[in-house]
């Protein structure tokens, strides 16, 4: 019986510190983590690495949003479980994310426990689909 390989995780956030903290936390849990600071970087990673899980910040500096990356992921890497992350608490933002195919919506600031729980739940879905 083979040991399951932990899913690859993409973290998109325009804040380098958030990317690095997320990477450190998830790598300690055995995940392979790739980070992106922009929409374009995230799309390149999605195309090349085909991660199973993506944590996408909705509001990125400079225009394009994580919702653009979500649309791309749903069209090009449909097996990727996308979780939106944002401090935006406007009514309807979570619903809009869900309508576009997000698996979940996490409000910032995100605690380590929240991040771990969200990624673990997505990883369990990935494992069930692979079996």
N, C-alpha and C. Protein backbone atom coordinates (compact mmCIF):
# COMPACT_ATOMS: atom_id res chain seq x y z
N UNK A 1 0.84 -1.18 0.00
CA UNK A 1 0.00 0.00 0.00
C UNK A 1 0.89 1.24 0.00
N UNK A 2 0.63 2.16 -0.93
CA UNK A 2 1.46 3.35 -1.03
C UNK A 2 0.95 4.45 -0.10
N UNK A 3 1.88 5.29 0.32
CA UNK A 3 1.54 6.42 1.18
C UNK A 3 1.03 7.54 0.29
N UNK A 4 -0.12 8.14 0.62
CA UNK A 4 -0.64 9.22 -0.23
C UNK A 4 0.30 10.42 -0.24
N UNK A 5 0.45 11.00 -1.42
CA UNK A 5 1.28 12.19 -1.57
C UNK A 5 0.43 13.41 -1.20
N UNK A 6 0.93 14.27 -0.31
CA UNK A 6 0.15 15.45 0.06
C UNK A 6 -0.11 16.33 -1.17
N UNK A 7 -1.26 16.94 -1.23
CA UNK A 7 -1.58 17.80 -2.37
C UNK A 7 -0.64 19.00 -2.47
N UNK A 8 -0.48 19.48 -3.70
CA UNK A 8 0.25 20.72 -3.94
C UNK A 8 -0.72 21.88 -3.71
N UNK A 9 -0.22 22.92 -3.07
CA UNK A 9 -1.05 24.07 -2.71
C UNK A 9 -0.45 25.35 -3.30
N UNK A 10 -1.28 26.13 -3.96
CA UNK A 10 -0.91 27.46 -4.45
C UNK A 10 -1.46 28.48 -3.47
N UNK A 11 -0.61 29.42 -3.05
CA UNK A 11 -1.05 30.54 -2.22
C UNK A 11 -0.85 31.82 -3.03
N UNK A 12 -1.94 32.52 -3.32
CA UNK A 12 -1.89 33.80 -4.03
C UNK A 12 -2.25 34.91 -3.06
N UNK A 13 -1.31 35.82 -2.84
CA UNK A 13 -1.58 37.00 -2.03
C UNK A 13 -0.55 38.05 -2.44
N UNK A 14 -0.96 39.30 -2.53
CA UNK A 14 -0.01 40.35 -2.90
C UNK A 14 0.85 40.80 -1.72
N UNK A 15 0.66 40.20 -0.57
CA UNK A 15 1.46 40.47 0.62
C UNK A 15 2.47 39.33 0.79
N UNK A 16 3.74 39.64 0.55
CA UNK A 16 4.81 38.64 0.62
C UNK A 16 4.85 37.95 1.98
N UNK A 17 4.62 38.70 3.04
CA UNK A 17 4.67 38.13 4.39
C UNK A 17 3.59 37.07 4.58
N UNK A 18 2.39 37.33 4.08
CA UNK A 18 1.30 36.35 4.19
C UNK A 18 1.66 35.10 3.39
N UNK A 19 2.22 35.29 2.20
CA UNK A 19 2.64 34.13 1.39
C UNK A 19 3.65 33.27 2.15
N UNK A 20 4.64 33.91 2.73
CA UNK A 20 5.70 33.16 3.41
C UNK A 20 5.19 32.48 4.68
N UNK A 21 4.35 33.16 5.45
CA UNK A 21 3.80 32.54 6.66
C UNK A 21 2.93 31.34 6.29
N UNK A 22 2.13 31.50 5.24
CA UNK A 22 1.29 30.38 4.79
C UNK A 22 2.15 29.22 4.32
N UNK A 23 3.20 29.54 3.56
CA UNK A 23 4.10 28.49 3.07
C UNK A 23 4.72 27.73 4.24
N UNK A 24 5.26 28.45 5.20
CA UNK A 24 5.92 27.80 6.34
C UNK A 24 4.96 26.88 7.09
N UNK A 25 3.78 27.39 7.37
CA UNK A 25 2.79 26.61 8.11
C UNK A 25 2.40 25.34 7.35
N UNK A 26 2.09 25.48 6.08
CA UNK A 26 1.62 24.33 5.30
C UNK A 26 2.74 23.34 4.99
N UNK A 27 3.95 23.84 4.76
CA UNK A 27 5.07 22.92 4.52
C UNK A 27 5.37 22.09 5.77
N UNK A 28 5.21 22.68 6.95
CA UNK A 28 5.40 21.91 8.19
C UNK A 28 4.38 20.78 8.30
N UNK A 29 3.26 20.94 7.64
CA UNK A 29 2.21 19.91 7.63
C UNK A 29 2.38 18.93 6.47
N UNK A 30 3.46 19.10 5.70
CA UNK A 30 3.77 18.14 4.64
C UNK A 30 3.32 18.51 3.25
N UNK A 31 2.69 19.67 3.09
CA UNK A 31 2.22 20.08 1.77
C UNK A 31 3.37 20.67 0.96
N UNK A 32 3.29 20.54 -0.35
CA UNK A 32 4.19 21.24 -1.26
C UNK A 32 3.49 22.55 -1.58
N UNK A 33 4.16 23.67 -1.32
CA UNK A 33 3.51 24.97 -1.44
C UNK A 33 4.25 25.85 -2.45
N UNK A 34 3.47 26.46 -3.32
CA UNK A 34 3.98 27.44 -4.27
C UNK A 34 3.28 28.75 -3.98
N UNK A 35 4.00 29.86 -4.07
CA UNK A 35 3.38 31.15 -3.79
C UNK A 35 3.43 32.05 -5.02
N UNK A 36 2.45 32.94 -5.10
CA UNK A 36 2.37 33.92 -6.18
C UNK A 36 1.95 35.25 -5.57
N UNK A 37 2.55 36.31 -6.07
CA UNK A 37 2.22 37.66 -5.59
C UNK A 37 1.29 38.39 -6.55
N UNK A 38 1.02 37.79 -7.71
CA UNK A 38 0.18 38.45 -8.71
C UNK A 38 -0.68 37.43 -9.45
N UNK A 39 -1.67 37.95 -10.15
CA UNK A 39 -2.54 37.13 -10.99
C UNK A 39 -1.72 36.36 -12.01
N UNK A 40 -0.81 37.06 -12.68
CA UNK A 40 -0.02 36.42 -13.74
C UNK A 40 0.84 35.28 -13.20
N UNK A 41 1.49 35.50 -12.06
CA UNK A 41 2.29 34.43 -11.45
C UNK A 41 1.41 33.23 -11.10
N UNK A 42 0.24 33.51 -10.56
CA UNK A 42 -0.66 32.42 -10.16
C UNK A 42 -1.10 31.61 -11.37
N UNK A 43 -1.40 32.27 -12.47
CA UNK A 43 -1.83 31.56 -13.68
C UNK A 43 -0.71 30.69 -14.22
N UNK A 44 0.52 31.19 -14.20
CA UNK A 44 1.66 30.38 -14.66
C UNK A 44 1.79 29.14 -13.79
N UNK A 45 1.69 29.30 -12.47
CA UNK A 45 1.80 28.15 -11.56
C UNK A 45 0.66 27.17 -11.81
N UNK A 46 -0.55 27.66 -11.99
CA UNK A 46 -1.68 26.77 -12.27
C UNK A 46 -1.44 25.96 -13.54
N UNK A 47 -0.93 26.61 -14.58
CA UNK A 47 -0.68 25.92 -15.84
C UNK A 47 0.43 24.89 -15.73
N UNK A 48 1.52 25.26 -15.07
CA UNK A 48 2.71 24.38 -15.01
C UNK A 48 2.62 23.30 -13.95
N UNK A 49 2.15 23.68 -12.77
CA UNK A 49 2.21 22.77 -11.61
C UNK A 49 0.90 22.03 -11.35
N UNK A 50 -0.22 22.60 -11.81
CA UNK A 50 -1.54 22.00 -11.63
C UNK A 50 -1.78 21.59 -10.17
N UNK A 51 -1.72 22.58 -9.25
CA UNK A 51 -1.94 22.27 -7.84
C UNK A 51 -3.36 21.75 -7.61
N UNK A 52 -3.50 20.96 -6.56
CA UNK A 52 -4.81 20.43 -6.22
C UNK A 52 -5.63 21.40 -5.38
N UNK A 53 -4.94 22.33 -4.70
CA UNK A 53 -5.61 23.30 -3.83
C UNK A 53 -5.02 24.68 -4.10
N UNK A 54 -5.88 25.70 -4.11
CA UNK A 54 -5.40 27.08 -4.27
C UNK A 54 -6.09 27.97 -3.24
N UNK A 55 -5.29 28.75 -2.54
CA UNK A 55 -5.78 29.78 -1.62
C UNK A 55 -5.60 31.11 -2.35
N UNK A 56 -6.69 31.75 -2.71
CA UNK A 56 -6.64 32.93 -3.57
C UNK A 56 -7.16 34.17 -2.86
N UNK A 57 -6.29 35.15 -2.68
CA UNK A 57 -6.72 36.43 -2.13
C UNK A 57 -7.59 37.11 -3.18
N UNK A 58 -8.71 37.66 -2.77
CA UNK A 58 -9.62 38.28 -3.74
C UNK A 58 -9.08 39.61 -4.24
N UNK A 59 -8.64 40.48 -3.34
CA UNK A 59 -8.21 41.82 -3.74
C UNK A 59 -6.70 41.88 -3.85
N UNK A 60 -6.23 42.02 -5.08
CA UNK A 60 -4.80 42.14 -5.36
C UNK A 60 -4.51 43.57 -5.78
N UNK A 61 -3.34 44.08 -5.41
CA UNK A 61 -2.99 45.44 -5.83
C UNK A 61 -2.73 45.43 -7.34
N UNK A 62 -3.08 46.53 -7.97
CA UNK A 62 -2.79 46.65 -9.39
C UNK A 62 -3.89 46.17 -10.31
N UNK A 63 -5.08 45.92 -9.80
CA UNK A 63 -6.18 45.63 -10.71
C UNK A 63 -6.78 44.26 -10.64
N UNK A 64 -6.24 43.28 -11.42
CA UNK A 64 -6.90 41.98 -11.49
C UNK A 64 -7.08 41.37 -10.11
N UNK A 65 -8.14 40.63 -9.97
CA UNK A 65 -8.45 40.07 -8.66
C UNK A 65 -8.26 38.56 -8.63
N UNK A 66 -8.31 38.03 -7.42
CA UNK A 66 -8.26 36.59 -7.26
C UNK A 66 -9.45 35.91 -7.91
N UNK A 67 -10.54 36.65 -8.12
CA UNK A 67 -11.69 36.08 -8.81
C UNK A 67 -11.34 35.76 -10.26
N UNK A 68 -10.46 36.57 -10.87
CA UNK A 68 -9.98 36.27 -12.22
C UNK A 68 -9.22 34.95 -12.24
N UNK A 69 -8.41 34.75 -11.22
CA UNK A 69 -7.64 33.50 -11.12
C UNK A 69 -8.58 32.33 -10.86
N UNK A 70 -9.60 32.55 -10.05
CA UNK A 70 -10.61 31.52 -9.80
C UNK A 70 -11.27 31.10 -11.12
N UNK A 71 -11.68 32.07 -11.92
CA UNK A 71 -12.30 31.75 -13.22
C UNK A 71 -11.35 30.92 -14.09
N UNK A 72 -10.09 31.33 -14.14
CA UNK A 72 -9.10 30.60 -14.93
C UNK A 72 -8.95 29.18 -14.41
N UNK A 73 -8.81 29.04 -13.09
CA UNK A 73 -8.62 27.71 -12.50
C UNK A 73 -9.81 26.80 -12.79
N UNK A 74 -11.01 27.32 -12.66
CA UNK A 74 -12.20 26.48 -12.91
C UNK A 74 -12.24 26.03 -14.36
N UNK A 75 -11.78 26.88 -15.29
CA UNK A 75 -11.81 26.54 -16.71
C UNK A 75 -10.65 25.63 -17.12
N UNK A 76 -9.46 25.88 -16.57
CA UNK A 76 -8.26 25.19 -17.05
C UNK A 76 -7.75 24.07 -16.14
N UNK A 77 -8.04 24.16 -14.86
CA UNK A 77 -7.60 23.14 -13.89
C UNK A 77 -8.81 22.81 -13.01
N UNK A 78 -9.85 22.22 -13.59
CA UNK A 78 -11.10 22.04 -12.85
C UNK A 78 -10.98 21.16 -11.61
N UNK A 79 -9.93 20.36 -11.52
CA UNK A 79 -9.76 19.52 -10.33
C UNK A 79 -9.19 20.29 -9.14
N UNK A 80 -8.73 21.52 -9.36
CA UNK A 80 -8.15 22.34 -8.29
C UNK A 80 -9.25 22.86 -7.38
N UNK A 81 -9.10 22.61 -6.08
CA UNK A 81 -10.03 23.11 -5.07
C UNK A 81 -9.61 24.52 -4.69
N UNK A 82 -10.43 25.51 -5.01
CA UNK A 82 -10.09 26.91 -4.77
C UNK A 82 -10.80 27.45 -3.54
N UNK A 83 -10.03 28.05 -2.66
CA UNK A 83 -10.54 28.68 -1.45
C UNK A 83 -10.21 30.17 -1.54
N UNK A 84 -11.21 31.01 -1.42
CA UNK A 84 -11.00 32.45 -1.50
C UNK A 84 -10.68 32.99 -0.11
N UNK A 85 -9.76 33.96 -0.08
CA UNK A 85 -9.33 34.57 1.18
C UNK A 85 -9.47 36.08 1.01
N UNK A 86 -10.14 36.74 1.97
CA UNK A 86 -10.31 38.19 1.83
C UNK A 86 -10.75 38.82 3.14
N UNK A 87 -10.40 40.09 3.28
CA UNK A 87 -10.94 40.85 4.40
C UNK A 87 -12.23 41.55 4.01
N UNK A 88 -12.65 41.36 2.77
CA UNK A 88 -13.88 41.96 2.24
C UNK A 88 -15.09 41.28 2.87
N UNK A 89 -15.86 42.06 3.63
CA UNK A 89 -17.04 41.48 4.26
C UNK A 89 -18.33 42.05 3.67
N UNK A 90 -18.23 42.59 2.44
CA UNK A 90 -19.44 43.09 1.79
C UNK A 90 -20.42 41.95 1.56
N UNK A 91 -21.70 42.24 1.73
CA UNK A 91 -22.70 41.20 1.46
C UNK A 91 -22.58 40.72 0.01
N UNK A 92 -22.64 39.43 -0.16
CA UNK A 92 -22.62 38.86 -1.50
C UNK A 92 -21.26 38.41 -2.00
N UNK A 93 -20.17 38.85 -1.38
CA UNK A 93 -18.84 38.47 -1.88
C UNK A 93 -18.61 36.97 -1.75
N UNK A 94 -18.98 36.40 -0.62
CA UNK A 94 -18.85 34.95 -0.43
C UNK A 94 -19.72 34.20 -1.43
N UNK A 95 -20.93 34.68 -1.63
CA UNK A 95 -21.85 34.03 -2.57
C UNK A 95 -21.33 34.12 -4.00
N UNK A 96 -20.77 35.29 -4.37
CA UNK A 96 -20.20 35.45 -5.71
C UNK A 96 -19.05 34.48 -5.92
N UNK A 97 -18.20 34.34 -4.91
CA UNK A 97 -17.09 33.39 -5.00
C UNK A 97 -17.60 31.97 -5.19
N UNK A 98 -18.61 31.62 -4.43
CA UNK A 98 -19.20 30.28 -4.53
C UNK A 98 -19.82 30.06 -5.91
N UNK A 99 -20.51 31.06 -6.41
CA UNK A 99 -21.14 30.96 -7.73
C UNK A 99 -20.09 30.72 -8.82
N UNK A 100 -18.90 31.29 -8.64
CA UNK A 100 -17.83 31.13 -9.62
C UNK A 100 -17.06 29.83 -9.44
N UNK A 101 -17.39 29.07 -8.39
CA UNK A 101 -16.77 27.76 -8.22
C UNK A 101 -15.84 27.59 -7.05
N UNK A 102 -15.76 28.59 -6.17
CA UNK A 102 -14.90 28.46 -4.99
C UNK A 102 -15.48 27.43 -4.04
N UNK A 103 -14.60 26.68 -3.40
CA UNK A 103 -15.00 25.67 -2.42
C UNK A 103 -15.26 26.27 -1.05
N UNK A 104 -14.71 27.45 -0.82
CA UNK A 104 -14.87 28.07 0.49
C UNK A 104 -14.42 29.52 0.47
N UNK A 105 -14.71 30.22 1.55
CA UNK A 105 -14.40 31.64 1.69
C UNK A 105 -13.88 31.85 3.10
N UNK A 106 -12.67 32.33 3.22
CA UNK A 106 -12.04 32.53 4.52
C UNK A 106 -11.81 34.02 4.71
N UNK A 107 -12.29 34.57 5.83
CA UNK A 107 -12.11 36.00 6.10
C UNK A 107 -10.77 36.26 6.78
N UNK A 108 -10.09 37.31 6.32
CA UNK A 108 -8.86 37.77 6.96
C UNK A 108 -9.23 38.62 8.16
N UNK A 109 -8.40 38.66 9.17
CA UNK A 109 -7.15 37.92 9.29
C UNK A 109 -7.41 36.43 9.54
N UNK A 110 -6.60 35.61 8.93
CA UNK A 110 -6.75 34.16 9.02
C UNK A 110 -5.81 33.64 10.09
N UNK A 111 -6.33 32.83 11.00
CA UNK A 111 -5.48 32.22 12.01
C UNK A 111 -4.84 30.95 11.43
N UNK A 112 -3.80 30.49 12.07
CA UNK A 112 -3.14 29.25 11.63
C UNK A 112 -4.13 28.09 11.67
N UNK A 113 -4.96 28.05 12.71
CA UNK A 113 -5.94 26.96 12.82
C UNK A 113 -6.96 27.00 11.68
N UNK A 114 -7.42 28.20 11.33
CA UNK A 114 -8.38 28.32 10.23
C UNK A 114 -7.75 27.87 8.91
N UNK A 115 -6.53 28.30 8.67
CA UNK A 115 -5.84 27.94 7.44
C UNK A 115 -5.65 26.43 7.36
N UNK A 116 -5.16 25.85 8.43
CA UNK A 116 -4.96 24.40 8.46
C UNK A 116 -6.25 23.64 8.24
N UNK A 117 -7.31 24.06 8.92
CA UNK A 117 -8.60 23.36 8.80
C UNK A 117 -9.14 23.45 7.37
N UNK A 118 -9.05 24.62 6.76
CA UNK A 118 -9.56 24.79 5.40
C UNK A 118 -8.78 23.95 4.40
N UNK A 119 -7.46 23.95 4.52
CA UNK A 119 -6.64 23.17 3.59
C UNK A 119 -6.83 21.68 3.84
N UNK A 120 -6.94 21.28 5.09
CA UNK A 120 -7.17 19.86 5.40
C UNK A 120 -8.50 19.39 4.81
N UNK A 121 -9.55 20.19 4.94
CA UNK A 121 -10.85 19.81 4.37
C UNK A 121 -10.77 19.68 2.86
N UNK A 122 -10.07 20.61 2.21
CA UNK A 122 -9.90 20.52 0.75
C UNK A 122 -9.06 19.31 0.38
N UNK A 123 -8.02 19.02 1.16
CA UNK A 123 -7.16 17.86 0.88
C UNK A 123 -7.94 16.56 1.02
N UNK A 124 -8.85 16.50 1.98
CA UNK A 124 -9.68 15.30 2.14
C UNK A 124 -10.57 15.10 0.92
N UNK A 125 -11.12 16.18 0.38
CA UNK A 125 -11.93 16.07 -0.83
C UNK A 125 -11.08 15.58 -2.00
N UNK A 126 -9.86 16.09 -2.11
CA UNK A 126 -8.95 15.65 -3.18
C UNK A 126 -8.68 14.16 -3.04
N UNK A 127 -8.38 13.71 -1.84
CA UNK A 127 -8.08 12.28 -1.61
C UNK A 127 -9.27 11.40 -1.97
N UNK A 128 -10.46 11.82 -1.57
CA UNK A 128 -11.67 11.03 -1.89
C UNK A 128 -11.87 10.93 -3.40
N UNK A 129 -11.62 12.00 -4.11
CA UNK A 129 -11.79 11.98 -5.56
C UNK A 129 -10.75 11.10 -6.24
N UNK A 130 -9.54 11.04 -5.67
CA UNK A 130 -8.47 10.25 -6.27
C UNK A 130 -8.67 8.76 -6.04
N UNK A 131 -9.45 8.39 -5.04
CA UNK A 131 -9.66 6.97 -4.72
C UNK A 131 -10.89 6.41 -5.37
